[in-house]
Amino acid sequence: MRTSTPSFISLIKTPLATIVTLLAISLLLLFLPPELSNNVKMTCVAPVRPFQWATCFCSNLASNFLNKVISVWQDARVKIHMEEQVCQFKNKIIEQQDTIEKLQNKLRILSKFQTENKTSRKNPIPADIIGYDTSNFRKSITVNAGSRHGVKPNDIVVSDNALVGKVITVSGGSCVVQLITDPASRIPGRVVQTREQVIVEGDATVFCKLKYVSRWAKLKAGDDIVSSDIGGFYPPSLPIATVVENEAKGGALFQSVKVLPRVNISKIESVLIVPN
């Protein structure tokens, strides 16, 4: 009876035989001379060396790529954060510049009024415009000074030492000012150059008109209109408007005169309220 030698595959399939075989190979390698052992190791490693090199190369490449991606992402985040900070700083600078301009404007208006009204014993109340009337027929503004600040109805409102209007309604922290351009506004005035007595009436536009100017009055464009002390309501000699054009129509007894207020309400932010 013939006995066949067990093949390598059949030995591998048996766990115990595999373990014994590996132990034998390990012991054999331990007791081999160093030169022979190194040769065996180099021979075993040589077939897998290209795979090791390829794995190392791919790993380094992937690592470098990920590092670059992370670096670019971090740089982008830092750039965005810096841009946001720069934008915030610019907004703060603009806000501070606007605040400084408002304060300088208030100081200029107050200084001009006090310089040109040295004899006045009334202390004006500074206020900022916080609202505009949107009606086509009524012209008024709302300012942030009211009864708590000492404002009363019929107080006079000025800017750049020129008449803006008068206070008509007052609440605790604000008041409504009727502008000289309001159709219901009528102010006694005088033409500086001719000394004519006139009434300045609102026209519901950016202009006003003069009432009761004789057709023989020698007015011309550029003549100045100031407040009159007739009636004792408005302080005298307060600039109101400038003549733009005038015309005597047909046989009318009075001229048609258009005047432009000295204060452009759309360009001012602050006013002074003068107690009446």
C-alpha atoms as a PDB file:
ATOM      1  CA  MET A   1       0.000   0.000   0.000  1.00  0.00           C
ATOM      2  CA  ARG A   2       1.446   3.363  -1.084  1.00  0.00           C
ATOM      3  CA  THR A   3       1.390   6.305   1.273  1.00  0.00           C
ATOM      4  CA  SER A   4       1.357   9.737  -0.388  1.00  0.00           C
ATOM      5  CA  THR A   5       3.357  12.603   1.068  1.00  0.00           C
ATOM      6  CA  PRO A   6       1.022  15.347   2.335  1.00  0.00           C
ATOM      7  CA  SER A   7       1.017  18.415   0.096  1.00  0.00           C
ATOM      8  CA  PHE A   8       1.658  22.015   1.310  1.00  0.00           C
ATOM      9  CA  ILE A   9      -1.971  22.970   0.707  1.00  0.00           C
ATOM     10  CA  SER A  10      -3.232  20.141   2.884  1.00  0.00           C
ATOM     11  CA  LEU A  11      -0.848  21.221   5.647  1.00  0.00           C
ATOM     12  CA  ILE A  12      -2.110  24.811   5.498  1.00  0.00           C
ATOM     13  CA  LYS A  13      -5.663  23.621   5.807  1.00  0.00           C
ATOM     14  CA  THR A  14      -4.760  22.022   9.125  1.00  0.00           C
ATOM     15  CA  PRO A  15      -4.337  24.792  11.781  1.00  0.00           C
ATOM     16  CA  LEU A  16      -2.082  22.726  14.034  1.00  0.00           C
ATOM     17  CA  ALA A  17       0.196  21.796  11.176  1.00  0.00           C
ATOM     18  CA  THR A  18       0.375  25.424  10.080  1.00  0.00           C
ATOM     19  CA  ILE A  19       1.377  26.588  13.539  1.00  0.00           C
ATOM     20  CA  VAL A  20       4.010  23.914  13.860  1.00  0.00           C
ATOM     21  CA  THR A  21       5.403  24.787  10.441  1.00  0.00           C
ATOM     22  CA  LEU A  22       5.639  28.505  11.276  1.00  0.00           C
ATOM     23  CA  LEU A  23       7.319  27.772  14.588  1.00  0.00           C
ATOM     24  CA  ALA A  24       9.831  25.567  12.856  1.00  0.00           C
ATOM     25  CA  ILE A  25      10.617  28.239  10.286  1.00  0.00           C
ATOM     26  CA  SER A  26      10.992  30.851  13.038  1.00  0.00           C
ATOM     27  CA  LEU A  27      13.372  28.665  15.036  1.00  0.00           C
ATOM     28  CA  LEU A  28      15.317  27.922  11.916  1.00  0.00           C
ATOM     29  CA  LEU A  29      15.709  31.638  11.182  1.00  0.00           C
ATOM     30  CA  LEU A  30      16.800  32.297  14.739  1.00  0.00           C
ATOM     31  CA  PHE A  31      19.587  29.786  14.588  1.00  0.00           C
ATOM     32  CA  LEU A  32      20.778  30.656  11.124  1.00  0.00           C
ATOM     33  CA  PRO A  33      24.018  32.672  10.805  1.00  0.00           C
ATOM     34  CA  PRO A  34      23.469  36.443  10.585  1.00  0.00           C
ATOM     35  CA  GLU A  35      24.667  36.672   6.989  1.00  0.00           C
ATOM     36  CA  LEU A  36      22.306  33.974   5.838  1.00  0.00           C
ATOM     37  CA  SER A  37      19.455  35.340   7.949  1.00  0.00           C
ATOM     38  CA  ASN A  38      19.855  38.828   6.390  1.00  0.00           C
ATOM     39  CA  ASN A  39      19.883  37.357   2.916  1.00  0.00           C
ATOM     40  CA  VAL A  40      16.679  35.494   3.631  1.00  0.00           C
ATOM     41  CA  LYS A  41      15.052  38.659   4.995  1.00  0.00           C
ATOM     42  CA  MET A  42      16.134  40.703   1.973  1.00  0.00           C
ATOM     43  CA  THR A  43      14.859  37.985  -0.346  1.00  0.00           C
ATOM     44  CA  CYS A  44      11.475  37.950   1.411  1.00  0.00           C
ATOM     45  CA  VAL A  45      11.168  41.727   1.499  1.00  0.00           C
ATOM     46  CA  ALA A  46      12.232  42.377  -2.101  1.00  0.00           C
ATOM     47  CA  PRO A  47       8.909  41.321  -3.713  1.00  0.00           C
ATOM     48  CA  VAL A  48       6.832  43.690  -1.489  1.00  0.00           C
ATOM     49  CA  ARG A  49       9.214  46.662  -1.633  1.00  0.00           C
ATOM     50  CA  PRO A  50       7.525  48.297  -4.680  1.00  0.00           C
ATOM     51  CA  PHE A  51       4.214  48.051  -2.882  1.00  0.00           C
ATOM     52  CA  GLN A  52       5.721  49.660   0.220  1.00  0.00           C
ATOM     53  CA  TRP A  53       7.195  52.489  -1.866  1.00  0.00           C
ATOM     54  CA  ALA A  54       3.896  53.030  -3.696  1.00  0.00           C
ATOM     55  CA  THR A  55       1.964  53.042  -0.402  1.00  0.00           C
ATOM     56  CA  CYS A  56       4.401  55.512   1.171  1.00  0.00           C
ATOM     57  CA  PHE A  57       4.296  57.770  -1.902  1.00  0.00           C
ATOM     58  CA  CYS A  58       0.476  57.794  -2.007  1.00  0.00           C
ATOM     59  CA  SER A  59       0.315  58.420   1.734  1.00  0.00           C
ATOM     60  CA  ASN A  60       2.679  61.396   1.505  1.00  0.00           C
ATOM     61  CA  LEU A  61       0.836  62.752  -1.517  1.00  0.00           C
ATOM     62  CA  ALA A  62      -2.537  62.468   0.210  1.00  0.00           C
ATOM     63  CA  SER A  63      -1.125  64.017   3.382  1.00  0.00           C
ATOM     64  CA  ASN A  64       0.362  66.975   1.464  1.00  0.00           C
ATOM     65  CA  PHE A  65      -2.886  67.473  -0.430  1.00  0.00           C
ATOM     66  CA  LEU A  66      -4.965  67.427   2.744  1.00  0.00           C
ATOM     67  CA  ASN A  67      -2.542  69.815   4.433  1.00  0.00           C
ATOM     68  CA  LYS A  68      -2.829  72.225   1.494  1.00  0.00           C
ATOM     69  CA  VAL A  69      -6.631  71.988   1.496  1.00  0.00           C
ATOM     70  CA  ILE A  70      -6.761  72.632   5.244  1.00  0.00           C
ATOM     71  CA  SER A  71      -4.280  75.507   4.903  1.00  0.00           C
ATOM     72  CA  VAL A  72      -6.299  77.132   2.084  1.00  0.00           C
ATOM     73  CA  TRP A  73      -9.523  76.688   4.065  1.00  0.00           C
ATOM     74  CA  GLN A  74      -7.964  78.222   7.178  1.00  0.00           C
ATOM     75  CA  ASP A  75      -6.533  81.128   5.133  1.00  0.00           C
ATOM     76  CA  ALA A  76      -9.975  81.726   3.603  1.00  0.00           C
ATOM     77  CA  ARG A  77     -11.598  81.737   7.056  1.00  0.00           C
ATOM     78  CA  VAL A  78      -8.968  84.135   8.388  1.00  0.00           C
ATOM     79  CA  LYS A  79      -9.410  86.392   5.341  1.00  0.00           C
ATOM     80  CA  ILE A  80     -13.200  86.452   5.738  1.00  0.00           C
ATOM     81  CA  HIS A  81     -12.854  87.218   9.458  1.00  0.00           C
ATOM     82  CA  MET A  82     -10.398  90.041   8.754  1.00  0.00           C
ATOM     83  CA  GLU A  83     -12.661  91.482   6.048  1.00  0.00           C
ATOM     84  CA  GLU A  84     -15.581  91.437   8.487  1.00  0.00           C
ATOM     85  CA  GLN A  85     -13.479  93.237  11.090  1.00  0.00           C
ATOM     86  CA  VAL A  86     -12.332  95.829   8.544  1.00  0.00           C
ATOM     87  CA  CYS A  87     -15.966  96.394   7.500  1.00  0.00           C
ATOM     88  CA  GLN A  88     -17.006  96.820  11.136  1.00  0.00           C
ATOM     89  CA  PHE A  89     -14.182  99.291  11.748  1.00  0.00           C
ATOM     90  CA  LYS A  90     -15.158 101.274   8.640  1.00  0.00           C
ATOM     91  CA  ASN A  91     -18.785 101.408   9.792  1.00  0.00           C
ATOM     92  CA  LYS A  92     -17.702 102.578  13.242  1.00  0.00           C
ATOM     93  CA  ILE A  93     -15.517 105.283  11.696  1.00  0.00           C
ATOM     94  CA  ILE A  94     -18.414 106.464   9.505  1.00  0.00           C
ATOM     95  CA  GLU A  95     -20.741 106.452  12.524  1.00  0.00           C
ATOM     96  CA  GLN A  96     -18.261 108.462  14.590  1.00  0.00           C
ATOM     97  CA  GLN A  97     -17.674 110.904  11.724  1.00  0.00           C
ATOM     98  CA  ASP A  98     -21.430 111.426  11.405  1.00  0.00           C
ATOM     99  CA  THR A  99     -21.733 111.999  15.164  1.00  0.00           C
ATOM    100  CA  ILE A 100     -18.867 114.498  15.084  1.00  0.00           C
ATOM    101  CA  GLU A 101     -20.460 116.329  12.144  1.00  0.00           C
ATOM    102  CA  LYS A 102     -23.775 116.563  14.028  1.00  0.00           C
ATOM    103  CA  LEU A 103     -22.099 117.911  17.154  1.00  0.00           C
ATOM    104  CA  GLN A 104     -20.050 120.410  15.147  1.00  0.00           C
ATOM    105  CA  ASN A 105     -23.198 121.509  13.319  1.00  0.00           C
ATOM    106  CA  LYS A 106     -25.042 122.040  16.618  1.00  0.00           C
ATOM    107  CA  LEU A 107     -22.114 123.998  18.031  1.00  0.00           C
ATOM    108  CA  ARG A 108     -21.895 126.143  14.899  1.00  0.00           C
ATOM    109  CA  ILE A 109     -25.632 126.931  14.917  1.00  0.00           C
ATOM    110  CA  LEU A 110     -25.619 127.803  18.618  1.00  0.00           C
ATOM    111  CA  SER A 111     -22.447 129.877  18.336  1.00  0.00           C
ATOM    112  CA  LYS A 112     -23.785 131.813  15.345  1.00  0.00           C
ATOM    113  CA  PHE A 113     -27.082 132.554  17.087  1.00  0.00           C
ATOM    114  CA  GLN A 114     -25.377 133.735  20.267  1.00  0.00           C
ATOM    115  CA  THR A 115     -22.884 135.853  18.304  1.00  0.00           C
ATOM    116  CA  GLU A 116     -25.583 137.604  16.288  1.00  0.00           C
ATOM    117  CA  ASN A 117     -28.014 137.954  19.205  1.00  0.00           C
ATOM    118  CA  LYS A 118     -25.760 139.123  22.023  1.00  0.00           C
ATOM    119  CA  THR A 119     -28.504 141.214  23.599  1.00  0.00           C
ATOM    120  CA  SER A 120     -30.914 138.299  23.848  1.00  0.00           C
ATOM    121  CA  ARG A 121     -31.298 136.891  27.358  1.00  0.00           C
ATOM    122  CA  LYS A 122     -33.186 133.809  26.183  1.00  0.00           C
ATOM    123  CA  ASN A 123     -31.326 130.518  26.206  1.00  0.00           C
ATOM    124  CA  PRO A 124     -32.081 128.574  23.012  1.00  0.00           C
ATOM    125  CA  ILE A 125     -32.824 124.856  23.200  1.00  0.00           C
ATOM    126  CA  PRO A 126     -30.921 122.697  20.670  1.00  0.00           C
ATOM    127  CA  ALA A 127     -32.874 119.888  18.992  1.00  0.00           C
ATOM    128  CA  ASP A 128     -32.485 117.370  16.181  1.00  0.00           C
ATOM    129  CA  ILE A 129     -35.021 116.806  13.406  1.00  0.00           C
ATOM    130  CA  ILE A 130     -36.588 113.356  13.811  1.00  0.00           C
ATOM    131  CA  GLY A 131     -39.530 113.528  11.399  1.00  0.00           C
ATOM    132  CA  TYR A 132     -40.967 115.266   8.329  1.00  0.00           C
ATOM    133  CA  ASP A 133     -44.566 115.912   7.359  1.00  0.00           C
ATOM    134  CA  THR A 134     -45.401 113.982   4.170  1.00  0.00           C
ATOM    135  CA  SER A 135     -48.536 115.967   3.375  1.00  0.00           C
ATOM    136  CA  ASN A 136     -48.610 118.035   0.194  1.00  0.00           C
ATOM    137  CA  PHE A 137     -50.590 120.778   1.921  1.00  0.00           C
ATOM    138  CA  ARG A 138     -48.988 121.023   5.332  1.00  0.00           C
ATOM    139  CA  LYS A 139     -45.312 121.564   5.903  1.00  0.00           C
ATOM    140  CA  SER A 140     -43.936 120.676   9.326  1.00  0.00           C
ATOM    141  CA  ILE A 141     -41.117 118.831  11.066  1.00  0.00           C
ATOM    142  CA  THR A 142     -40.825 116.967  14.364  1.00  0.00           C
ATOM    143  CA  VAL A 143     -37.849 117.595  16.651  1.00  0.00           C
ATOM    144  CA  ASN A 144     -36.639 115.751  19.745  1.00  0.00           C
ATOM    145  CA  ALA A 145     -37.252 118.488  22.321  1.00  0.00           C
ATOM    146  CA  GLY A 146     -40.479 118.877  24.238  1.00  0.00           C
ATOM    147  CA  SER A 147     -42.040 120.129  27.457  1.00  0.00           C
ATOM    148  CA  ARG A 148     -39.429 118.308  29.543  1.00  0.00           C
ATOM    149  CA  HIS A 149     -36.807 120.525  27.895  1.00  0.00           C
ATOM    150  CA  GLY A 150     -38.795 123.727  28.432  1.00  0.00           C
ATOM    151  CA  VAL A 151     -40.409 123.957  24.974  1.00  0.00           C
ATOM    152  CA  LYS A 152     -43.814 125.664  24.716  1.00  0.00           C
ATOM    153  CA  PRO A 153     -46.268 126.290  21.861  1.00  0.00           C
ATOM    154  CA  ASN A 154     -45.440 129.368  19.744  1.00  0.00           C
ATOM    155  CA  ASP A 155     -41.715 129.193  20.527  1.00  0.00           C
ATOM    156  CA  ILE A 156     -39.615 130.331  17.580  1.00  0.00           C
ATOM    157  CA  VAL A 157     -37.429 127.825  15.704  1.00  0.00           C
ATOM    158  CA  VAL A 158     -34.272 128.954  13.894  1.00  0.00           C
ATOM    159  CA  SER A 159     -31.253 127.481  12.147  1.00  0.00           C
ATOM    160  CA  ASP A 160     -28.128 129.347  11.054  1.00  0.00           C
ATOM    161  CA  ASN A 161     -29.750 132.401  12.648  1.00  0.00           C
ATOM    162  CA  ALA A 162     -32.567 132.290  10.078  1.00  0.00           C
ATOM    163  CA  LEU A 163     -36.240 131.628  10.758  1.00  0.00           C
ATOM    164  CA  VAL A 164     -37.450 128.051  10.266  1.00  0.00           C
ATOM    165  CA  GLY A 165     -40.919 128.261  11.814  1.00  0.00           C
ATOM    166  CA  LYS A 166     -42.733 128.057  15.134  1.00  0.00           C
ATOM    167  CA  VAL A 167     -43.759 125.316  17.563  1.00  0.00           C
ATOM    168  CA  ILE A 168     -47.439 124.365  17.252  1.00  0.00           C
ATOM    169  CA  THR A 169     -47.816 121.208  19.383  1.00  0.00           C
ATOM    170  CA  VAL A 170     -45.702 119.923  22.260  1.00  0.00           C
ATOM    171  CA  SER A 171     -45.372 116.563  23.985  1.00  0.00           C
ATOM    172  CA  GLY A 172     -43.021 115.420  26.730  1.00  0.00           C
ATOM    173  CA  GLY A 173     -40.017 114.599  24.566  1.00  0.00           C
ATOM    174  CA  SER A 174     -40.798 116.142  21.167  1.00  0.00           C
ATOM    175  CA  CYS A 175     -42.691 118.874  19.387  1.00  0.00           C
ATOM    176  CA  VAL A 176     -44.081 119.690  15.950  1.00  0.00           C
ATOM    177  CA  VAL A 177     -42.763 122.765  14.161  1.00  0.00           C
ATOM    178  CA  GLN A 178     -44.810 124.583  11.526  1.00  0.00           C
ATOM    179  CA  LEU A 179     -42.441 125.638   8.759  1.00  0.00           C
ATOM    180  CA  ILE A 180     -42.582 129.040   7.103  1.00  0.00           C
ATOM    181  CA  THR A 181     -43.456 127.222   3.852  1.00  0.00           C
ATOM    182  CA  ASP A 182     -46.743 125.959   5.339  1.00  0.00           C
ATOM    183  CA  PRO A 183     -49.742 127.684   3.673  1.00  0.00           C
ATOM    184  CA  ALA A 184     -51.140 128.500   7.124  1.00  0.00           C
ATOM    185  CA  SER A 185     -47.939 130.329   8.090  1.00  0.00           C
ATOM    186  CA  ARG A 186     -48.053 134.122   7.931  1.00  0.00           C
ATOM    187  CA  ILE A 187     -45.123 136.131   9.239  1.00  0.00           C
ATOM    188  CA  PRO A 188     -44.846 139.920   9.367  1.00  0.00           C
ATOM    189  CA  GLY A 189     -41.683 140.974   7.593  1.00  0.00           C
ATOM    190  CA  ARG A 190     -39.769 143.839   6.100  1.00  0.00           C
ATOM    191  CA  VAL A 191     -37.733 144.214   2.910  1.00  0.00           C
ATOM    192  CA  VAL A 192     -34.277 145.309   4.048  1.00  0.00           C
ATOM    193  CA  GLN A 193     -33.410 147.295   0.909  1.00  0.00           C
ATOM    194  CA  THR A 194     -36.729 149.162   0.446  1.00  0.00           C
ATOM    195  CA  ARG A 195     -38.128 149.025   4.035  1.00  0.00           C
ATOM    196  CA  GLU A 196     -41.454 147.768   2.689  1.00  0.00           C
ATOM    197  CA  GLN A 197     -43.712 146.045   5.206  1.00  0.00           C
ATOM    198  CA  VAL A 198     -44.817 142.636   3.896  1.00  0.00           C
ATOM    199  CA  ILE A 199     -46.435 139.385   4.973  1.00  0.00           C
ATOM    200  CA  VAL A 200     -44.464 136.197   4.248  1.00  0.00           C
ATOM    201  CA  GLU A 201     -46.910 133.400   3.459  1.00  0.00           C
ATOM    202  CA  GLY A 202     -46.192 129.715   2.863  1.00  0.00           C
ATOM    203  CA  ASP A 203     -46.780 128.272  -0.585  1.00  0.00           C
ATOM    204  CA  ALA A 204     -46.731 124.497   0.186  1.00  0.00           C
ATOM    205  CA  THR A 205     -43.550 124.264  -1.907  1.00  0.00           C
ATOM    206  CA  VAL A 206     -39.910 125.100  -1.245  1.00  0.00           C
ATOM    207  CA  PHE A 207     -40.845 128.747  -1.858  1.00  0.00           C
ATOM    208  CA  CYS A 208     -42.887 131.366  -0.032  1.00  0.00           C
ATOM    209  CA  LYS A 209     -44.693 134.427  -1.359  1.00  0.00           C
ATOM    210  CA  LEU A 210     -45.069 137.997  -0.220  1.00  0.00           C
ATOM    211  CA  LYS A 211     -48.545 139.374   0.386  1.00  0.00           C
ATOM    212  CA  TYR A 212     -49.615 142.999   0.031  1.00  0.00           C
ATOM    213  CA  VAL A 213     -46.560 144.312  -1.791  1.00  0.00           C
ATOM    214  CA  SER A 214     -47.571 147.495  -3.610  1.00  0.00           C
ATOM    215  CA  ARG A 215     -47.162 147.427  -7.395  1.00  0.00           C
ATOM    216  CA  TRP A 216     -45.034 150.561  -7.051  1.00  0.00           C
ATOM    217  CA  ALA A 217     -42.576 148.983  -4.613  1.00  0.00           C
ATOM    218  CA  LYS A 218     -39.119 148.734  -6.198  1.00  0.00           C
ATOM    219  CA  LEU A 219     -38.248 145.159  -5.348  1.00  0.00           C
ATOM    220  CA  LYS A 220     -35.661 143.157  -7.222  1.00  0.00           C
ATOM    221  CA  ALA A 221     -34.216 139.674  -7.125  1.00  0.00           C
ATOM    222  CA  GLY A 222     -31.763 139.284  -4.251  1.00  0.00           C
ATOM    223  CA  ASP A 223     -33.552 141.621  -1.830  1.00  0.00           C
ATOM    224  CA  ASP A 224     -33.570 140.288   1.745  1.00  0.00           C
ATOM    225  CA  ILE A 225     -36.656 139.742   3.877  1.00  0.00           C
ATOM    226  CA  VAL A 226     -36.353 139.869   7.676  1.00  0.00           C
ATOM    227  CA  SER A 227     -38.891 139.525  10.461  1.00  0.00           C
ATOM    228  CA  SER A 228     -40.693 142.590  11.699  1.00  0.00           C
ATOM    229  CA  ASP A 229     -41.467 143.409  15.328  1.00  0.00           C
ATOM    230  CA  ILE A 230     -45.058 144.319  14.403  1.00  0.00           C
ATOM    231  CA  GLY A 231     -47.308 142.264  16.641  1.00  0.00           C
ATOM    232  CA  GLY A 232     -44.443 141.442  18.994  1.00  0.00           C
ATOM    233  CA  PHE A 233     -44.595 137.733  18.203  1.00  0.00           C
ATOM    234  CA  TYR A 234     -41.374 137.227  16.220  1.00  0.00           C
ATOM    235  CA  PRO A 235     -38.019 138.716  17.218  1.00  0.00           C
ATOM    236  CA  PRO A 236     -37.103 141.597  14.876  1.00  0.00           C
ATOM    237  CA  SER A 237     -34.526 141.458  12.090  1.00  0.00           C
ATOM    238  CA  LEU A 238     -34.403 137.677  11.897  1.00  0.00           C
ATOM    239  CA  PRO A 239     -33.544 136.621   8.297  1.00  0.00           C
ATOM    240  CA  ILE A 240     -36.443 134.853   6.582  1.00  0.00           C
ATOM    241  CA  ALA A 241     -36.064 134.721   2.813  1.00  0.00           C
ATOM    242  CA  THR A 242     -34.619 136.252  -0.351  1.00  0.00           C
ATOM    243  CA  VAL A 243     -36.596 137.618  -3.301  1.00  0.00           C
ATOM    244  CA  VAL A 244     -36.368 135.326  -6.328  1.00  0.00           C
ATOM    245  CA  GLU A 245     -38.722 137.033  -8.769  1.00  0.00           C
ATOM    246  CA  ASN A 246     -41.470 139.641  -8.754  1.00  0.00           C
ATOM    247  CA  GLU A 247     -44.066 140.763 -11.271  1.00  0.00           C
ATOM    248  CA  ALA A 248     -46.856 143.361 -11.418  1.00  0.00           C
ATOM    249  CA  LYS A 249     -49.694 141.805 -13.401  1.00  0.00           C
ATOM    250  CA  GLY A 250     -52.091 144.023 -15.373  1.00  0.00           C
ATOM    251  CA  GLY A 251     -53.895 146.524 -13.200  1.00  0.00           C
ATOM    252  CA  ALA A 252     -53.415 144.617  -9.946  1.00  0.00           C
ATOM    253  CA  LEU A 253     -52.704 146.735  -6.887  1.00  0.00           C
ATOM    254  CA  PHE A 254     -50.129 144.311  -5.532  1.00  0.00           C
ATOM    255  CA  GLN A 255     -47.110 142.576  -7.005  1.00  0.00           C
ATOM    256  CA  SER A 256     -46.714 138.813  -7.239  1.00  0.00           C
ATOM    257  CA  VAL A 257     -43.464 138.103  -5.406  1.00  0.00           C
ATOM    258  CA  LYS A 258     -41.787 134.723  -4.949  1.00  0.00           C
ATOM    259  CA  VAL A 259     -39.166 134.369  -2.234  1.00  0.00           C
ATOM    260  CA  LEU A 260     -36.807 131.551  -1.261  1.00  0.00           C
ATOM    261  CA  PRO A 261     -36.381 130.772   2.466  1.00  0.00           C
ATOM    262  CA  ARG A 262     -32.887 131.310   3.798  1.00  0.00           C
ATOM    263  CA  VAL A 263     -32.947 127.813   5.355  1.00  0.00           C
ATOM    264  CA  ASN A 264     -33.112 124.755   3.123  1.00  0.00           C
ATOM    265  CA  ILE A 265     -34.982 122.403   5.438  1.00  0.00           C
ATOM    266  CA  SER A 266     -33.888 119.321   3.471  1.00  0.00           C
ATOM    267  CA  LYS A 267     -30.222 120.031   4.280  1.00  0.00           C
ATOM    268  CA  ILE A 268     -30.370 120.728   8.014  1.00  0.00           C
ATOM    269  CA  GLU A 269     -30.321 118.199  10.856  1.00  0.00           C
ATOM    270  CA  SER A 270     -30.461 120.451  13.909  1.00  0.00           C
ATOM    271  CA  VAL A 271     -32.392 123.538  14.970  1.00  0.00           C
ATOM    272  CA  LEU A 272     -32.590 125.935  17.916  1.00  0.00           C
ATOM    273  CA  ILE A 273     -35.858 126.575  19.737  1.00  0.00           C
ATOM    274  CA  VAL A 274     -35.990 130.100  21.103  1.00  0.00           C
ATOM    275  CA  PRO A 275     -38.457 130.626  23.988  1.00  0.00           C
ATOM    276  CA  ASN A 276     -41.081 133.176  23.034  1.00  0.00           C
END
